[in-house]
Amino acid sequence: MKLISGRSLGQARGKVSGKFSEDYFRNAAVCELDPEDLKVLGISPNENVKITTDTGSVVVRAATASQRVQRGVAFMPYGPWANAVLSSETYGTGMPSFKGVEAEITPAHTEKILNLRSLIEQITKSQR
């Protein structure tokens, strides 16, 4: 699938509550998919999914997209969970690529979504 990231209304509202708030967690640790893609992947709405790219992997909640994405595209709001799977490489442009990143999305039946503190700790440990 192609992964894209961008701003979302829920993510923006959650930031007002604070990045460690439940509201931000609920709205930023999510991946929106086309309903047909959910069926093909064997994923139910609100089920945990693992997103893996060349940069890394992260577990988030799968949501059915309204009209934000088309088939074959997954949308993640800007934030730490998206940053865990998007490269910081800018290739001389000064801006990382937030669109069109190759990603594998699989059900994560037994894996939990890390809260922000745990996600930061995991990323910090992997960079050592």
C-alpha atoms as a PDB file:
ATOM      1  CA  MET A   1       0.000   0.000   0.000  1.00  0.00           C
ATOM      2  CA  LYS A   2       0.973   3.643  -0.296  1.00  0.00           C
ATOM      3  CA  LEU A   3       1.145   5.496   3.004  1.00  0.00           C
ATOM      4  CA  ILE A   4       0.407   9.204   3.172  1.00  0.00           C
ATOM      5  CA  SER A   5       0.455  11.502   6.179  1.00  0.00           C
ATOM      6  CA  GLY A   6      -1.114  14.872   6.788  1.00  0.00           C
ATOM      7  CA  ARG A   7      -3.083  16.965   9.197  1.00  0.00           C
ATOM      8  CA  SER A   8      -6.481  15.844  10.424  1.00  0.00           C
ATOM      9  CA  LEU A   9      -9.122  17.658  12.402  1.00  0.00           C
ATOM     10  CA  GLY A  10      -9.066  15.035  15.172  1.00  0.00           C
ATOM     11  CA  GLN A  11      -5.280  15.179  15.476  1.00  0.00           C
ATOM     12  CA  ALA A  12      -5.389  18.984  15.674  1.00  0.00           C
ATOM     13  CA  ARG A  13      -8.128  18.937  18.335  1.00  0.00           C
ATOM     14  CA  GLY A  14      -6.193  16.323  20.305  1.00  0.00           C
ATOM     15  CA  LYS A  15      -3.102  18.548  20.371  1.00  0.00           C
ATOM     16  CA  VAL A  16      -5.154  21.184  22.186  1.00  0.00           C
ATOM     17  CA  SER A  17      -5.712  18.649  24.988  1.00  0.00           C
ATOM     18  CA  GLY A  18      -1.973  17.927  25.034  1.00  0.00           C
ATOM     19  CA  LYS A  19       0.133  15.359  23.236  1.00  0.00           C
ATOM     20  CA  PHE A  20      -0.006  13.032  26.239  1.00  0.00           C
ATOM     21  CA  SER A  21      -3.822  13.197  26.403  1.00  0.00           C
ATOM     22  CA  GLU A  22      -6.168  10.340  25.594  1.00  0.00           C
ATOM     23  CA  ASP A  23      -7.828  12.529  22.954  1.00  0.00           C
ATOM     24  CA  TYR A  24      -4.540  13.014  21.074  1.00  0.00           C
ATOM     25  CA  PHE A  25      -3.690   9.311  21.386  1.00  0.00           C
ATOM     26  CA  ARG A  26      -7.091   8.278  20.006  1.00  0.00           C
ATOM     27  CA  ASN A  27      -6.805  10.666  17.043  1.00  0.00           C
ATOM     28  CA  ALA A  28      -3.112  10.340  16.144  1.00  0.00           C
ATOM     29  CA  ALA A  29      -2.397   6.623  16.693  1.00  0.00           C
ATOM     30  CA  VAL A  30      -4.672   5.664  13.826  1.00  0.00           C
ATOM     31  CA  CYS A  31      -4.541   4.635  10.186  1.00  0.00           C
ATOM     32  CA  GLU A  32      -7.465   5.288   7.866  1.00  0.00           C
ATOM     33  CA  LEU A  33      -8.127   2.760   5.104  1.00  0.00           C
ATOM     34  CA  ASP A  34     -10.684   2.286   2.364  1.00  0.00           C
ATOM     35  CA  PRO A  35     -13.439  -0.145   3.471  1.00  0.00           C
ATOM     36  CA  GLU A  36     -12.594  -2.519   0.594  1.00  0.00           C
ATOM     37  CA  ASP A  37      -8.911  -2.550   1.601  1.00  0.00           C
ATOM     38  CA  LEU A  38      -9.941  -3.453   5.152  1.00  0.00           C
ATOM     39  CA  LYS A  39     -11.869  -6.458   3.778  1.00  0.00           C
ATOM     40  CA  VAL A  40      -9.030  -7.590   1.513  1.00  0.00           C
ATOM     41  CA  LEU A  41      -6.522  -7.325   4.381  1.00  0.00           C
ATOM     42  CA  GLY A  42      -8.867  -9.182   6.749  1.00  0.00           C
ATOM     43  CA  ILE A  43      -8.989  -6.253   9.149  1.00  0.00           C
ATOM     44  CA  SER A  44     -12.031  -5.003  11.029  1.00  0.00           C
ATOM     45  CA  PRO A  45     -12.571  -1.316  11.802  1.00  0.00           C
ATOM     46  CA  ASN A  46     -10.956  -0.342  15.133  1.00  0.00           C
ATOM     47  CA  GLU A  47      -8.711  -3.424  15.088  1.00  0.00           C
ATOM     48  CA  ASN A  48      -5.004  -2.930  15.766  1.00  0.00           C
ATOM     49  CA  VAL A  49      -2.775  -3.061  12.696  1.00  0.00           C
ATOM     50  CA  LYS A  50       0.969  -3.084  12.219  1.00  0.00           C
ATOM     51  CA  ILE A  51       2.355  -0.693   9.640  1.00  0.00           C
ATOM     52  CA  THR A  52       5.825  -1.521   8.380  1.00  0.00           C
ATOM     53  CA  THR A  53       8.006   0.558   6.056  1.00  0.00           C
ATOM     54  CA  ASP A  54      11.738   0.627   5.297  1.00  0.00           C
ATOM     55  CA  THR A  55      12.054   3.063   8.229  1.00  0.00           C
ATOM     56  CA  GLY A  56      10.348   1.005  10.924  1.00  0.00           C
ATOM     57  CA  SER A  57       7.052  -0.337  12.193  1.00  0.00           C
ATOM     58  CA  VAL A  58       4.312   0.812  14.514  1.00  0.00           C
ATOM     59  CA  VAL A  59       0.999  -0.534  15.777  1.00  0.00           C
ATOM     60  CA  VAL A  60      -2.033   1.742  15.444  1.00  0.00           C
ATOM     61  CA  ARG A  61      -5.813   1.457  15.255  1.00  0.00           C
ATOM     62  CA  ALA A  62      -7.381   0.872  11.846  1.00  0.00           C
ATOM     63  CA  ALA A  63     -10.273   3.135  10.971  1.00  0.00           C
ATOM     64  CA  THR A  64     -12.571   3.131   7.984  1.00  0.00           C
ATOM     65  CA  ALA A  65     -11.851   6.216   5.917  1.00  0.00           C
ATOM     66  CA  SER A  66     -14.654   8.408   4.744  1.00  0.00           C
ATOM     67  CA  GLN A  67     -13.535  10.118   1.552  1.00  0.00           C
ATOM     68  CA  ARG A  68      -9.961  10.900   2.596  1.00  0.00           C
ATOM     69  CA  VAL A  69      -8.319   7.907   0.914  1.00  0.00           C
ATOM     70  CA  GLN A  70      -8.821   5.741  -2.121  1.00  0.00           C
ATOM     71  CA  ARG A  71      -8.138   2.027  -2.517  1.00  0.00           C
ATOM     72  CA  GLY A  72      -4.496   1.128  -2.033  1.00  0.00           C
ATOM     73  CA  VAL A  73      -3.771   4.209   0.096  1.00  0.00           C
ATOM     74  CA  ALA A  74      -3.467   4.417   3.886  1.00  0.00           C
ATOM     75  CA  PHE A  75      -3.651   7.769   5.713  1.00  0.00           C
ATOM     76  CA  MET A  76      -1.995   8.517   9.055  1.00  0.00           C
ATOM     77  CA  PRO A  77      -2.257  11.888  10.799  1.00  0.00           C
ATOM     78  CA  TYR A  78       0.984  13.749  11.427  1.00  0.00           C
ATOM     79  CA  GLY A  79       2.453  12.802  14.781  1.00  0.00           C
ATOM     80  CA  PRO A  80       4.808  10.439  16.583  1.00  0.00           C
ATOM     81  CA  TRP A  81       3.142   7.243  15.335  1.00  0.00           C
ATOM     82  CA  ALA A  82       3.461   8.344  11.691  1.00  0.00           C
ATOM     83  CA  ASN A  83       7.003   9.566  12.351  1.00  0.00           C
ATOM     84  CA  ALA A  84       7.922   6.049  13.523  1.00  0.00           C
ATOM     85  CA  VAL A  85       7.416   4.755   9.964  1.00  0.00           C
ATOM     86  CA  LEU A  86       8.329   7.806   7.861  1.00  0.00           C
ATOM     87  CA  SER A  87      11.934   8.602   7.032  1.00  0.00           C
ATOM     88  CA  SER A  88      13.456  11.885   8.178  1.00  0.00           C
ATOM     89  CA  GLU A  89      15.643  11.900   5.052  1.00  0.00           C
ATOM     90  CA  THR A  90      15.021  15.026   2.961  1.00  0.00           C
ATOM     91  CA  TYR A  91      17.151  14.175  -0.094  1.00  0.00           C
ATOM     92  CA  GLY A  92      18.350  17.778  -0.197  1.00  0.00           C
ATOM     93  CA  THR A  93      14.876  19.325  -0.304  1.00  0.00           C
ATOM     94  CA  GLY A  94      14.713  20.298   3.359  1.00  0.00           C
ATOM     95  CA  MET A  95      11.401  18.445   3.741  1.00  0.00           C
ATOM     96  CA  PRO A  96      10.878  14.728   4.458  1.00  0.00           C
ATOM     97  CA  SER A  97       8.537  12.758   2.219  1.00  0.00           C
ATOM     98  CA  PHE A  98       5.127  12.343   3.818  1.00  0.00           C
ATOM     99  CA  LYS A  99       3.375  10.962   0.741  1.00  0.00           C
ATOM    100  CA  GLY A 100       3.539   7.786  -1.308  1.00  0.00           C
ATOM    101  CA  VAL A 101       5.656   5.713   1.075  1.00  0.00           C
ATOM    102  CA  GLU A 102       5.543   1.954   0.424  1.00  0.00           C
ATOM    103  CA  ALA A 103       4.021   0.238   3.462  1.00  0.00           C
ATOM    104  CA  GLU A 104       2.866  -3.200   4.497  1.00  0.00           C
ATOM    105  CA  ILE A 105      -0.225  -3.312   6.692  1.00  0.00           C
ATOM    106  CA  THR A 106      -1.072  -6.455   8.638  1.00  0.00           C
ATOM    107  CA  PRO A 107      -3.457  -7.341  11.483  1.00  0.00           C
ATOM    108  CA  ALA A 108      -1.846  -6.978  14.918  1.00  0.00           C
ATOM    109  CA  HIS A 109      -4.210  -9.143  16.946  1.00  0.00           C
ATOM    110  CA  THR A 110      -1.959  -9.529  19.980  1.00  0.00           C
ATOM    111  CA  GLU A 111       0.101  -6.339  19.792  1.00  0.00           C
ATOM    112  CA  LYS A 112      -0.852  -3.240  21.732  1.00  0.00           C
ATOM    113  CA  ILE A 113      -0.681   0.352  20.566  1.00  0.00           C
ATOM    114  CA  LEU A 114       2.052   2.089  22.527  1.00  0.00           C
ATOM    115  CA  ASN A 115       1.126   5.295  24.301  1.00  0.00           C
ATOM    116  CA  LEU A 116       3.315   8.294  23.535  1.00  0.00           C
ATOM    117  CA  ARG A 117       5.725   7.779  26.439  1.00  0.00           C
ATOM    118  CA  SER A 118       6.274   4.116  25.565  1.00  0.00           C
ATOM    119  CA  LEU A 119       6.651   4.917  21.869  1.00  0.00           C
ATOM    120  CA  ILE A 120       9.326   7.541  22.612  1.00  0.00           C
ATOM    121  CA  GLU A 121      11.161   5.080  24.882  1.00  0.00           C
ATOM    122  CA  GLN A 122      11.066   2.392  22.175  1.00  0.00           C
ATOM    123  CA  ILE A 123      12.384   4.766  19.506  1.00  0.00           C
ATOM    124  CA  THR A 124      15.110   6.067  21.825  1.00  0.00           C
ATOM    125  CA  LYS A 125      16.286   2.520  22.639  1.00  0.00           C
ATOM    126  CA  SER A 126      16.388   1.525  18.968  1.00  0.00           C
ATOM    127  CA  GLN A 127      18.584   4.539  18.132  1.00  0.00           C
ATOM    128  CA  ARG A 128      21.280   3.599  20.646  1.00  0.00           C
END
